[in-house]
Amino acid sequence: MDEASGTWTAQLGVVPDGPHTLYARARMGTTTSATAASAFSVAPAARVERQVVAKNAPVDPAAGRSADGLASWRYTFATSEYGNGHWTLVNRLVEGGLETARETVRARFH
C-alpha cells in the first residue's frame, strides 16, 4: 500500500494464460472493507499458429491452432482430415494479438 498515492500493488507471481479475477479488501485491526474485484486476462506474448486451407481459399483469422514452441516450433496433423487435393499450410506469428509474420507452403495430399 502506498499511502501517499492511495494505490496498492500485489505480487502475483507467474499467472497462467486465461481469465482471472483478483479479489482484495482492506483490513485495519479486526475491521475489513468490502471486497473489490478486478477481472483480467493473461495472453501469451507470442505464439505460432497454423492452419490448413484449400488452395487459394482465404484464411479464417479465428481458426488458427497453436503450434508447440516459439523459437523452434512444430505441429502435426492428419492429412486424412482434409482429403486429396491441393492445400496451403499457413503458419503465422501472433504477437500481442496481432499477426506479425506469415509463411505459407503449398502441398498436395494423396
PDB file of N, CA and C in Angstrom:
ATOM      1  N   MET A   1       0.844  -1.177   0.000  1.00  0.00           N
ATOM      2  CA  MET A   1       0.000   0.000   0.000  1.00  0.00           C
ATOM      3  C   MET A   1       0.881   1.228   0.000  1.00  0.00           C
ATOM      4  N   ASP A   2       0.621   2.126  -0.929  1.00  0.00           N
ATOM      5  CA  ASP A   2       1.325   3.407  -0.981  1.00  0.00           C
ATOM      6  C   ASP A   2       0.359   4.481  -0.481  1.00  0.00           C
ATOM      7  N   GLU A   3       0.503   4.865   0.773  1.00  0.00           N
ATOM      8  CA  GLU A   3      -0.435   5.820   1.369  1.00  0.00           C
ATOM      9  C   GLU A   3      -0.367   7.189   0.710  1.00  0.00           C
ATOM     10  N   ALA A   4       0.797   7.561   0.180  1.00  0.00           N
ATOM     11  CA  ALA A   4       0.945   8.872  -0.458  1.00  0.00           C
ATOM     12  C   ALA A   4       0.069   8.990  -1.703  1.00  0.00           C
ATOM     13  N   SER A   5       0.019   7.905  -2.499  1.00  0.00           N
ATOM     14  CA  SER A   5      -0.769   7.955  -3.737  1.00  0.00           C
ATOM     15  C   SER A   5      -2.137   7.292  -3.593  1.00  0.00           C
ATOM     16  N   GLY A   6      -2.334   6.552  -2.512  1.00  0.00           N
ATOM     17  CA  GLY A   6      -3.596   5.853  -2.315  1.00  0.00           C
ATOM     18  C   GLY A   6      -3.746   4.640  -3.216  1.00  0.00           C
ATOM     19  N   THR A   7      -2.622   4.092  -3.659  1.00  0.00           N
ATOM     20  CA  THR A   7      -2.667   2.916  -4.526  1.00  0.00           C
ATOM     21  C   THR A   7      -2.013   1.733  -3.828  1.00  0.00           C
ATOM     22  N   TRP A   8      -2.251   0.558  -4.382  1.00  0.00           N
ATOM     23  CA  TRP A   8      -1.637  -0.641  -3.847  1.00  0.00           C
ATOM     24  C   TRP A   8      -1.219  -1.542  -4.987  1.00  0.00           C
ATOM     25  N   THR A   9      -0.311  -2.441  -4.730  1.00  0.00           N
ATOM     26  CA  THR A   9       0.133  -3.423  -5.714  1.00  0.00           C
ATOM     27  C   THR A   9       0.067  -4.802  -5.085  1.00  0.00           C
ATOM     28  N   ALA A  10       0.008  -5.797  -5.918  1.00  0.00           N
ATOM     29  CA  ALA A  10       0.001  -7.182  -5.448  1.00  0.00           C
ATOM     30  C   ALA A  10       1.010  -7.986  -6.255  1.00  0.00           C
ATOM     31  N   GLN A  11       1.846  -8.733  -5.587  1.00  0.00           N
ATOM     32  CA  GLN A  11       2.803  -9.607  -6.256  1.00  0.00           C
ATOM     33  C   GLN A  11       2.089 -10.925  -6.555  1.00  0.00           C
ATOM     34  N   LEU A  12       1.778 -11.172  -7.810  1.00  0.00           N
ATOM     35  CA  LEU A  12       1.001 -12.350  -8.179  1.00  0.00           C
ATOM     36  C   LEU A  12       1.859 -13.524  -8.615  1.00  0.00           C
ATOM     37  N   GLY A  13       3.128 -13.301  -8.842  1.00  0.00           N
ATOM     38  CA  GLY A  13       3.973 -14.385  -9.329  1.00  0.00           C
ATOM     39  C   GLY A  13       3.654 -14.679 -10.783  1.00  0.00           C
ATOM     40  N   VAL A  14       3.880 -15.901 -11.202  1.00  0.00           N
ATOM     41  CA  VAL A  14       3.593 -16.301 -12.579  1.00  0.00           C
ATOM     42  C   VAL A  14       2.129 -16.718 -12.664  1.00  0.00           C
ATOM     43  N   VAL A  15       1.378 -16.008 -13.473  1.00  0.00           N
ATOM     44  CA  VAL A  15      -0.053 -16.273 -13.622  1.00  0.00           C
ATOM     45  C   VAL A  15      -0.259 -16.983 -14.960  1.00  0.00           C
ATOM     46  N   PRO A  16      -0.937 -18.111 -14.988  1.00  0.00           N
ATOM     47  CA  PRO A  16      -1.132 -18.828 -16.248  1.00  0.00           C
ATOM     48  C   PRO A  16      -2.039 -18.052 -17.214  1.00  0.00           C
ATOM     49  N   ASP A  17      -1.926 -18.383 -18.499  1.00  0.00           N
ATOM     50  CA  ASP A  17      -2.783 -17.773 -19.507  1.00  0.00           C
ATOM     51  C   ASP A  17      -4.244 -18.037 -19.176  1.00  0.00           C
ATOM     52  N   GLY A  18      -5.093 -17.073 -19.514  1.00  0.00           N
ATOM     53  CA  GLY A  18      -6.525 -17.247 -19.318  1.00  0.00           C
ATOM     54  C   GLY A  18      -7.117 -16.135 -18.477  1.00  0.00           C
ATOM     55  N   PRO A  19      -8.424 -16.222 -18.230  1.00  0.00           N
ATOM     56  CA  PRO A  19      -9.111 -15.195 -17.436  1.00  0.00           C
ATOM     57  C   PRO A  19      -8.868 -15.400 -15.934  1.00  0.00           C
ATOM     58  N   HIS A  20      -8.776 -14.304 -15.217  1.00  0.00           N
ATOM     59  CA  HIS A  20      -8.554 -14.342 -13.773  1.00  0.00           C
ATOM     60  C   HIS A  20      -9.338 -13.210 -13.118  1.00  0.00           C
ATOM     61  N   THR A  21      -9.570 -13.334 -11.832  1.00  0.00           N
ATOM     62  CA  THR A  21     -10.171 -12.262 -11.049  1.00  0.00           C
ATOM     63  C   THR A  21      -9.371 -12.128  -9.759  1.00  0.00           C
ATOM     64  N   LEU A  22      -8.964 -10.897  -9.472  1.00  0.00           N
ATOM     65  CA  LEU A  22      -8.244 -10.603  -8.232  1.00  0.00           C
ATOM     66  C   LEU A  22      -9.242  -9.975  -7.258  1.00  0.00           C
ATOM     67  N   TYR A  23      -9.325 -10.537  -6.068  1.00  0.00           N
ATOM     68  CA  TYR A  23     -10.208 -10.018  -5.027  1.00  0.00           C
ATOM     69  C   TYR A  23      -9.334  -9.380  -3.946  1.00  0.00           C
ATOM     70  N   ALA A  24      -9.718  -8.201  -3.490  1.00  0.00           N
ATOM     71  CA  ALA A  24      -8.938  -7.521  -2.462  1.00  0.00           C
ATOM     72  C   ALA A  24      -9.863  -6.777  -1.502  1.00  0.00           C
ATOM     73  N   ARG A  25      -9.370  -6.605  -0.277  1.00  0.00           N
ATOM     74  CA  ARG A  25     -10.084  -5.792   0.695  1.00  0.00           C
ATOM     75  C   ARG A  25      -9.063  -5.254   1.697  1.00  0.00           C
ATOM     76  N   ALA A  26      -9.404  -4.141   2.282  1.00  0.00           N
ATOM     77  CA  ALA A  26      -8.522  -3.524   3.273  1.00  0.00           C
ATOM     78  C   ALA A  26      -8.860  -4.062   4.659  1.00  0.00           C
ATOM     79  N   ARG A  27      -7.849  -4.036   5.518  1.00  0.00           N
ATOM     80  CA  ARG A  27      -8.070  -4.502   6.888  1.00  0.00           C
ATOM     81  C   ARG A  27      -7.274  -3.617   7.848  1.00  0.00           C
ATOM     82  N   MET A  28      -7.955  -3.130   8.849  1.00  0.00           N
ATOM     83  CA  MET A  28      -7.308  -2.376   9.922  1.00  0.00           C
ATOM     84  C   MET A  28      -7.758  -3.015  11.227  1.00  0.00           C
ATOM     85  N   GLY A  29      -6.840  -3.714  11.872  1.00  0.00           N
ATOM     86  CA  GLY A  29      -7.208  -4.451  13.086  1.00  0.00           C
ATOM     87  C   GLY A  29      -8.178  -5.556  12.724  1.00  0.00           C
ATOM     88  N   THR A  30      -9.363  -5.518  13.309  1.00  0.00           N
ATOM     89  CA  THR A  30     -10.372  -6.537  13.023  1.00  0.00           C
ATOM     90  C   THR A  30     -11.446  -6.032  12.062  1.00  0.00           C
ATOM     91  N   THR A  31     -11.301  -4.781  11.597  1.00  0.00           N
ATOM     92  CA  THR A  31     -12.279  -4.191  10.675  1.00  0.00           C
ATOM     93  C   THR A  31     -11.809  -4.387   9.231  1.00  0.00           C
ATOM     94  N   THR A  32     -12.704  -4.884   8.387  1.00  0.00           N
ATOM     95  CA  THR A  32     -12.359  -5.085   6.963  1.00  0.00           C
ATOM     96  C   THR A  32     -13.338  -4.318   6.086  1.00  0.00           C
ATOM     97  N   SER A  33     -12.853  -3.930   4.933  1.00  0.00           N
ATOM     98  CA  SER A  33     -13.695  -3.227   3.961  1.00  0.00           C
ATOM     99  C   SER A  33     -14.461  -4.248   3.125  1.00  0.00           C
ATOM    100  N   ALA A  34     -15.324  -3.728   2.280  1.00  0.00           N
ATOM    101  CA  ALA A  34     -15.994  -4.590   1.308  1.00  0.00           C
ATOM    102  C   ALA A  34     -14.946  -5.121   0.333  1.00  0.00           C
ATOM    103  N   THR A  35     -15.219  -6.265  -0.229  1.00  0.00           N
ATOM    104  CA  THR A  35     -14.288  -6.856  -1.194  1.00  0.00           C
ATOM    105  C   THR A  35     -14.459  -6.193  -2.554  1.00  0.00           C
ATOM    106  N   ALA A  36     -13.334  -5.842  -3.159  1.00  0.00           N
ATOM    107  CA  ALA A  36     -13.329  -5.296  -4.517  1.00  0.00           C
ATOM    108  C   ALA A  36     -12.785  -6.376  -5.448  1.00  0.00           C
ATOM    109  N   ALA A  37     -13.306  -6.448  -6.662  1.00  0.00           N
ATOM    110  CA  ALA A  37     -12.863  -7.449  -7.635  1.00  0.00           C
ATOM    111  C   ALA A  37     -12.376  -6.747  -8.897  1.00  0.00           C
ATOM    112  N   SER A  38     -11.305  -7.290  -9.468  1.00  0.00           N
ATOM    113  CA  SER A  38     -10.769  -6.773 -10.726  1.00  0.00           C
ATOM    114  C   SER A  38     -10.484  -7.957 -11.638  1.00  0.00           C
ATOM    115  N   ALA A  39     -11.203  -8.024 -12.749  1.00  0.00           N
ATOM    116  CA  ALA A  39     -11.024  -9.130 -13.699  1.00  0.00           C
ATOM    117  C   ALA A  39      -9.980  -8.747 -14.744  1.00  0.00           C
ATOM    118  N   PHE A  40      -9.167  -9.722 -15.140  1.00  0.00           N
ATOM    119  CA  PHE A  40      -8.165  -9.503 -16.184  1.00  0.00           C
ATOM    120  C   PHE A  40      -7.874 -10.825 -16.868  1.00  0.00           C
ATOM    121  N   SER A  41      -7.280 -10.733 -18.053  1.00  0.00           N
ATOM    122  CA  SER A  41      -6.887 -11.925 -18.804  1.00  0.00           C
ATOM    123  C   SER A  41      -5.407 -11.852 -19.112  1.00  0.00           C
ATOM    124  N   VAL A  42      -4.784 -13.004 -19.103  1.00  0.00           N
ATOM    125  CA  VAL A  42      -3.377 -13.118 -19.467  1.00  0.00           C
ATOM    126  C   VAL A  42      -3.323 -13.874 -20.787  1.00  0.00           C
ATOM    127  N   ALA A  43      -2.666 -13.271 -21.760  1.00  0.00           N
ATOM    128  CA  ALA A  43      -2.498 -13.906 -23.071  1.00  0.00           C
ATOM    129  C   ALA A  43      -1.015 -14.114 -23.304  1.00  0.00           C
ATOM    130  N   PRO A  44      -0.661 -15.171 -24.006  1.00  0.00           N
ATOM    131  CA  PRO A  44       0.761 -15.362 -24.285  1.00  0.00           C
ATOM    132  C   PRO A  44       1.277 -14.182 -25.102  1.00  0.00           C
ATOM    133  N   ALA A  45       2.497 -13.776 -24.815  1.00  0.00           N
ATOM    134  CA  ALA A  45       3.081 -12.636 -25.515  1.00  0.00           C
ATOM    135  C   ALA A  45       3.219 -12.933 -27.005  1.00  0.00           C
ATOM    136  N   ALA A  46       3.569 -14.150 -27.337  1.00  0.00           N
ATOM    137  CA  ALA A  46       3.724 -14.523 -28.739  1.00  0.00           C
ATOM    138  C   ALA A  46       3.443 -16.011 -28.889  1.00  0.00           C
ATOM    139  N   ARG A  47       2.934 -16.367 -30.057  1.00  0.00           N
ATOM    140  CA  ARG A  47       2.685 -17.777 -30.345  1.00  0.00           C
ATOM    141  C   ARG A  47       2.718 -17.982 -31.854  1.00  0.00           C
ATOM    142  N   VAL A  48       2.948 -19.212 -32.252  1.00  0.00           N
ATOM    143  CA  VAL A  48       2.869 -19.592 -33.662  1.00  0.00           C
ATOM    144  C   VAL A  48       1.551 -20.316 -33.856  1.00  0.00           C
ATOM    145  N   GLU A  49       0.801 -19.890 -34.850  1.00  0.00           N
ATOM    146  CA  GLU A  49      -0.452 -20.547 -35.198  1.00  0.00           C
ATOM    147  C   GLU A  49      -0.326 -21.168 -36.572  1.00  0.00           C
ATOM    148  N   ARG A  50      -1.061 -22.241 -36.764  1.00  0.00           N
ATOM    149  CA  ARG A  50      -1.069 -22.893 -38.073  1.00  0.00           C
ATOM    150  C   ARG A  50      -2.502 -23.137 -38.511  1.00  0.00           C
ATOM    151  N   GLN A  51      -2.656 -23.251 -39.817  1.00  0.00           N
ATOM    152  CA  GLN A  51      -3.973 -23.507 -40.387  1.00  0.00           C
ATOM    153  C   GLN A  51      -3.777 -24.174 -41.743  1.00  0.00           C
ATOM    154  N   VAL A  52      -4.618 -25.124 -42.064  1.00  0.00           N
ATOM    155  CA  VAL A  52      -4.592 -25.766 -43.374  1.00  0.00           C
ATOM    156  C   VAL A  52      -5.841 -25.302 -44.115  1.00  0.00           C
ATOM    157  N   VAL A  53      -5.642 -24.693 -45.287  1.00  0.00           N
ATOM    158  CA  VAL A  53      -6.772 -24.203 -46.072  1.00  0.00           C
ATOM    159  C   VAL A  53      -6.683 -24.732 -47.489  1.00  0.00           C
ATOM    160  N   ALA A  54      -7.816 -24.866 -48.136  1.00  0.00           N
ATOM    161  CA  ALA A  54      -7.842 -25.289 -49.528  1.00  0.00           C
ATOM    162  C   ALA A  54      -7.070 -24.272 -50.367  1.00  0.00           C
ATOM    163  N   LYS A  55      -6.446 -24.746 -51.433  1.00  0.00           N
ATOM    164  CA  LYS A  55      -5.645 -23.875 -52.303  1.00  0.00           C
ATOM    165  C   LYS A  55      -6.464 -22.642 -52.702  1.00  0.00           C
ATOM    166  N   ASN A  56      -5.865 -21.470 -52.527  1.00  0.00           N
ATOM    167  CA  ASN A  56      -6.447 -20.170 -52.880  1.00  0.00           C
ATOM    168  C   ASN A  56      -7.635 -19.762 -52.010  1.00  0.00           C
ATOM    169  N   ALA A  57      -7.946 -20.517 -50.985  1.00  0.00           N
ATOM    170  CA  ALA A  57      -9.048 -20.151 -50.079  1.00  0.00           C
ATOM    171  C   ALA A  57      -8.540 -19.134 -49.059  1.00  0.00           C
ATOM    172  N   PRO A  58      -9.422 -18.291 -48.553  1.00  0.00           N
ATOM    173  CA  PRO A  58      -8.979 -17.321 -47.537  1.00  0.00           C
ATOM    174  C   PRO A  58      -8.713 -18.006 -46.202  1.00  0.00           C
ATOM    175  N   VAL A  59      -7.835 -17.382 -45.420  1.00  0.00           N
ATOM    176  CA  VAL A  59      -7.527 -17.856 -44.075  1.00  0.00           C
ATOM    177  C   VAL A  59      -8.592 -17.312 -43.130  1.00  0.00           C
ATOM    178  N   ASP A  60      -9.048 -18.146 -42.224  1.00  0.00           N
ATOM    179  CA  ASP A  60     -10.013 -17.717 -41.206  1.00  0.00           C
ATOM    180  C   ASP A  60      -9.219 -17.267 -39.982  1.00  0.00           C
ATOM    181  N   PRO A  61      -9.190 -15.972 -39.659  1.00  0.00           N
ATOM    182  CA  PRO A  61      -8.393 -15.487 -38.528  1.00  0.00           C
ATOM    183  C   PRO A  61      -8.737 -16.154 -37.197  1.00  0.00           C
ATOM    184  N   ALA A  62      -9.948 -16.658 -37.066  1.00  0.00           N
ATOM    185  CA  ALA A  62     -10.368 -17.269 -35.801  1.00  0.00           C
ATOM    186  C   ALA A  62     -10.108 -18.771 -35.760  1.00  0.00           C
ATOM    187  N   ALA A  63      -9.610 -19.358 -36.846  1.00  0.00           N
ATOM    188  CA  ALA A  63      -9.465 -20.810 -36.903  1.00  0.00           C
ATOM    189  C   ALA A  63      -8.034 -21.297 -36.725  1.00  0.00           C
ATOM    190  N   GLY A  64      -7.114 -20.411 -36.360  1.00  0.00           N
ATOM    191  CA  GLY A  64      -5.729 -20.833 -36.170  1.00  0.00           C
ATOM    192  C   GLY A  64      -5.585 -21.745 -34.965  1.00  0.00           C
ATOM    193  N   ARG A  65      -4.728 -22.735 -35.099  1.00  0.00           N
ATOM    194  CA  ARG A  65      -4.419 -23.641 -33.982  1.00  0.00           C
ATOM    195  C   ARG A  65      -2.980 -23.395 -33.571  1.00  0.00           C
ATOM    196  N   SER A  66      -2.732 -23.335 -32.286  1.00  0.00           N
ATOM    197  CA  SER A  66      -1.388 -23.058 -31.791  1.00  0.00           C
ATOM    198  C   SER A  66      -0.452 -24.221 -32.066  1.00  0.00           C
ATOM    199  N   ALA A  67       0.753 -23.872 -32.490  1.00  0.00           N
ATOM    200  CA  ALA A  67       1.818 -24.860 -32.660  1.00  0.00           C
ATOM    201  C   ALA A  67       2.550 -24.986 -31.328  1.00  0.00           C
ATOM    202  N   ASP A  68       3.362 -26.021 -31.198  1.00  0.00           N
ATOM    203  CA  ASP A  68       4.159 -26.212 -29.986  1.00  0.00           C
ATOM    204  C   ASP A  68       5.478 -25.473 -30.143  1.00  0.00           C
ATOM    205  N   GLY A  69       5.779 -24.585 -29.211  1.00  0.00           N
ATOM    206  CA  GLY A  69       7.041 -23.865 -29.233  1.00  0.00           C
ATOM    207  C   GLY A  69       6.911 -22.492 -29.859  1.00  0.00           C
ATOM    208  N   LEU A  70       8.020 -21.752 -29.834  1.00  0.00           N
ATOM    209  CA  LEU A  70       8.034 -20.426 -30.431  1.00  0.00           C
ATOM    210  C   LEU A  70       9.278 -20.242 -31.288  1.00  0.00           C
ATOM    211  N   ALA A  71      10.463 -20.195 -30.679  1.00  0.00           N
ATOM    212  CA  ALA A  71      11.694 -20.024 -31.458  1.00  0.00           C
ATOM    213  C   ALA A  71      11.897 -21.226 -32.376  1.00  0.00           C
ATOM    214  N   SER A  72      11.586 -22.397 -31.866  1.00  0.00           N
ATOM    215  CA  SER A  72      11.610 -23.630 -32.645  1.00  0.00           C
ATOM    216  C   SER A  72      10.253 -24.280 -32.417  1.00  0.00           C
ATOM    217  N   TRP A  73       9.433 -24.346 -33.436  1.00  0.00           N
ATOM    218  CA  TRP A  73       8.068 -24.814 -33.256  1.00  0.00           C
ATOM    219  C   TRP A  73       7.760 -25.984 -34.179  1.00  0.00           C
ATOM    220  N   ARG A  74       6.685 -26.696 -33.821  1.00  0.00           N
ATOM    221  CA  ARG A  74       6.255 -27.826 -34.653  1.00  0.00           C
ATOM    222  C   ARG A  74       4.779 -28.098 -34.406  1.00  0.00           C
ATOM    223  N   TYR A  75       4.188 -28.826 -35.341  1.00  0.00           N
ATOM    224  CA  TYR A  75       2.820 -29.287 -35.175  1.00  0.00           C
ATOM    225  C   TYR A  75       2.620 -30.510 -36.045  1.00  0.00           C
ATOM    226  N   THR A  76       1.605 -31.268 -35.724  1.00  0.00           N
ATOM    227  CA  THR A  76       1.244 -32.434 -36.524  1.00  0.00           C
ATOM    228  C   THR A  76      -0.233 -32.356 -36.861  1.00  0.00           C
ATOM    229  N   PHE A  77      -0.600 -32.998 -37.946  1.00  0.00           N
ATOM    230  CA  PHE A  77      -1.999 -33.108 -38.325  1.00  0.00           C
ATOM    231  C   PHE A  77      -2.136 -34.312 -39.240  1.00  0.00           C
ATOM    232  N   ALA A  78      -3.327 -34.821 -39.356  1.00  0.00           N
ATOM    233  CA  ALA A  78      -3.598 -35.962 -40.220  1.00  0.00           C
ATOM    234  C   ALA A  78      -4.111 -35.443 -41.566  1.00  0.00           C
ATOM    235  N   THR A  79      -3.402 -35.767 -42.625  1.00  0.00           N
ATOM    236  CA  THR A  79      -3.846 -35.318 -43.951  1.00  0.00           C
ATOM    237  C   THR A  79      -5.204 -35.921 -44.298  1.00  0.00           C
ATOM    238  N   SER A  80      -5.549 -37.042 -43.673  1.00  0.00           N
ATOM    239  CA  SER A  80      -6.846 -37.673 -43.948  1.00  0.00           C
ATOM    240  C   SER A  80      -8.011 -36.786 -43.522  1.00  0.00           C
ATOM    241  N   GLU A  81      -7.761 -35.832 -42.625  1.00  0.00           N
ATOM    242  CA  GLU A  81      -8.810 -34.902 -42.209  1.00  0.00           C
ATOM    243  C   GLU A  81      -9.213 -33.961 -43.344  1.00  0.00           C
ATOM    244  N   TYR A  82      -8.341 -33.820 -44.323  1.00  0.00           N
ATOM    245  CA  TYR A  82      -8.558 -32.829 -45.375  1.00  0.00           C
ATOM    246  C   TYR A  82      -8.882 -33.437 -46.733  1.00  0.00           C
ATOM    247  N   GLY A  83      -8.511 -34.671 -46.959  1.00  0.00           N
ATOM    248  CA  GLY A  83      -8.809 -35.310 -48.237  1.00  0.00           C
ATOM    249  C   GLY A  83      -7.761 -35.012 -49.293  1.00  0.00           C
ATOM    250  N   ASN A  84      -7.921 -35.635 -50.439  1.00  0.00           N
ATOM    251  CA  ASN A  84      -6.980 -35.453 -51.549  1.00  0.00           C
ATOM    252  C   ASN A  84      -7.131 -34.060 -52.139  1.00  0.00           C
ATOM    253  N   GLY A  85      -6.029 -33.548 -52.639  1.00  0.00           N
ATOM    254  CA  GLY A  85      -6.092 -32.264 -53.332  1.00  0.00           C
ATOM    255  C   GLY A  85      -4.978 -31.322 -52.939  1.00  0.00           C
ATOM    256  N   HIS A  86      -5.103 -30.115 -53.434  1.00  0.00           N
ATOM    257  CA  HIS A  86      -4.099 -29.075 -53.200  1.00  0.00           C
ATOM    258  C   HIS A  86      -4.505 -28.229 -51.987  1.00  0.00           C
ATOM    259  N   TRP A  87      -3.557 -28.003 -51.110  1.00  0.00           N
ATOM    260  CA  TRP A  87      -3.804 -27.291 -49.854  1.00  0.00           C
ATOM    261  C   TRP A  87      -2.706 -26.279 -49.613  1.00  0.00           C
ATOM    262  N   THR A  88      -2.974 -25.342 -48.738  1.00  0.00           N
ATOM    263  CA  THR A  88      -1.961 -24.379 -48.321  1.00  0.00           C
ATOM    264  C   THR A  88      -1.817 -24.468 -46.810  1.00  0.00           C
ATOM    265  N   LEU A  89      -0.583 -24.675 -46.345  1.00  0.00           N
ATOM    266  CA  LEU A  89      -0.276 -24.665 -44.923  1.00  0.00           C
ATOM    267  C   LEU A  89       0.111 -23.228 -44.579  1.00  0.00           C
ATOM    268  N   VAL A  90      -0.643 -22.618 -43.713  1.00  0.00           N
ATOM    269  CA  VAL A  90      -0.414 -21.231 -43.325  1.00  0.00           C
ATOM    270  C   VAL A  90       0.137 -21.214 -41.905  1.00  0.00           C
ATOM    271  N   ASN A  91       1.301 -20.621 -41.741  1.00  0.00           N
ATOM    272  CA  ASN A  91       1.948 -20.509 -40.436  1.00  0.00           C
ATOM    273  C   ASN A  91       2.111 -19.026 -40.147  1.00  0.00           C
ATOM    274  N   ARG A  92       1.673 -18.605 -38.966  1.00  0.00           N
ATOM    275  CA  ARG A  92       1.760 -17.181 -38.664  1.00  0.00           C
ATOM    276  C   ARG A  92       2.220 -16.945 -37.238  1.00  0.00           C
ATOM    277  N   LEU A  93       2.991 -15.884 -37.067  1.00  0.00           N
ATOM    278  CA  LEU A  93       3.438 -15.463 -35.756  1.00  0.00           C
ATOM    279  C   LEU A  93       2.459 -14.416 -35.253  1.00  0.00           C
ATOM    280  N   VAL A  94       1.921 -14.655 -34.071  1.00  0.00           N
ATOM    281  CA  VAL A  94       0.960 -13.730 -33.465  1.00  0.00           C
ATOM    282  C   VAL A  94       1.601 -13.171 -32.203  1.00  0.00           C
ATOM    283  N   GLU A  95       1.731 -11.848 -32.158  1.00  0.00           N
ATOM    284  CA  GLU A  95       2.328 -11.174 -31.006  1.00  0.00           C
ATOM    285  C   GLU A  95       1.356 -10.126 -30.504  1.00  0.00           C
ATOM    286  N   GLY A  96       1.030 -10.205 -29.220  1.00  0.00           N
ATOM    287  CA  GLY A  96       0.097  -9.248 -28.643  1.00  0.00           C
ATOM    288  C   GLY A  96      -1.247  -9.241 -29.349  1.00  0.00           C
ATOM    289  N   GLY A  97      -1.670 -10.391 -29.871  1.00  0.00           N
ATOM    290  CA  GLY A  97      -2.952 -10.496 -30.555  1.00  0.00           C
ATOM    291  C   GLY A  97      -2.930 -10.082 -32.011  1.00  0.00           C
ATOM    292  N   LEU A  98      -1.771  -9.645 -32.530  1.00  0.00           N
ATOM    293  CA  LEU A  98      -1.670  -9.208 -33.918  1.00  0.00           C
ATOM    294  C   LEU A  98      -0.736 -10.113 -34.705  1.00  0.00           C
ATOM    295  N   GLU A  99      -1.102 -10.418 -35.935  1.00  0.00           N
ATOM    296  CA  GLU A  99      -0.236 -11.206 -36.805  1.00  0.00           C
ATOM    297  C   GLU A  99       0.931 -10.326 -37.250  1.00  0.00           C
ATOM    298  N   THR A 100       2.154 -10.789 -36.971  1.00  0.00           N
ATOM    299  CA  THR A 100       3.340 -10.009 -37.331  1.00  0.00           C
ATOM    300  C   THR A 100       4.181 -10.664 -38.417  1.00  0.00           C
ATOM    301  N   ALA A 101       3.942 -11.930 -38.704  1.00  0.00           N
ATOM    302  CA  ALA A 101       4.665 -12.614 -39.778  1.00  0.00           C
ATOM    303  C   ALA A 101       3.830 -13.788 -40.261  1.00  0.00           C
ATOM    304  N   ARG A 102       4.011 -14.104 -41.554  1.00  0.00           N
ATOM    305  CA  ARG A 102       3.271 -15.231 -42.130  1.00  0.00           C
ATOM    306  C   ARG A 102       4.144 -15.934 -43.160  1.00  0.00           C
ATOM    307  N   GLU A 103       4.065 -17.250 -43.172  1.00  0.00           N
ATOM    308  CA  GLU A 103       4.736 -18.070 -44.167  1.00  0.00           C
ATOM    309  C   GLU A 103       3.749 -19.120 -44.644  1.00  0.00           C
ATOM    310  N   THR A 104       3.715 -19.359 -45.935  1.00  0.00           N
ATOM    311  CA  THR A 104       2.805 -20.366 -46.481  1.00  0.00           C
ATOM    312  C   THR A 104       3.590 -21.407 -47.263  1.00  0.00           C
ATOM    313  N   VAL A 105       3.052 -22.610 -47.274  1.00  0.00           N
ATOM    314  CA  VAL A 105       3.629 -23.711 -48.032  1.00  0.00           C
ATOM    315  C   VAL A 105       2.502 -24.400 -48.784  1.00  0.00           C
ATOM    316  N   ARG A 106       2.695 -24.603 -50.083  1.00  0.00           N
ATOM    317  CA  ARG A 106       1.704 -25.335 -50.882  1.00  0.00           C
ATOM    318  C   ARG A 106       1.977 -26.822 -50.752  1.00  0.00           C
ATOM    319  N   ALA A 107       0.911 -27.603 -50.661  1.00  0.00           N
ATOM    320  CA  ALA A 107       1.056 -29.057 -50.513  1.00  0.00           C
ATOM    321  C   ALA A 107      -0.051 -29.756 -51.284  1.00  0.00           C
ATOM    322  N   ARG A 108       0.243 -30.998 -51.643  1.00  0.00           N
ATOM    323  CA  ARG A 108      -0.771 -31.851 -52.285  1.00  0.00           C
ATOM    324  C   ARG A 108      -0.866 -33.109 -51.455  1.00  0.00           C
ATOM    325  N   PHE A 109      -2.082 -33.392 -50.984  1.00  0.00           N
ATOM    326  CA  PHE A 109      -2.320 -34.582 -50.184  1.00  0.00           C
ATOM    327  C   PHE A 109      -2.909 -35.666 -51.088  1.00  0.00           C
ATOM    328  N   HIS A 110      -2.414 -36.893 -50.901  1.00  0.00           N
ATOM    329  CA  HIS A 110      -2.900 -38.049 -51.685  1.00  0.00           C
ATOM    330  C   HIS A 110      -3.600 -39.008 -50.766  1.00  0.00           C
TER     331      HIS A 110
END
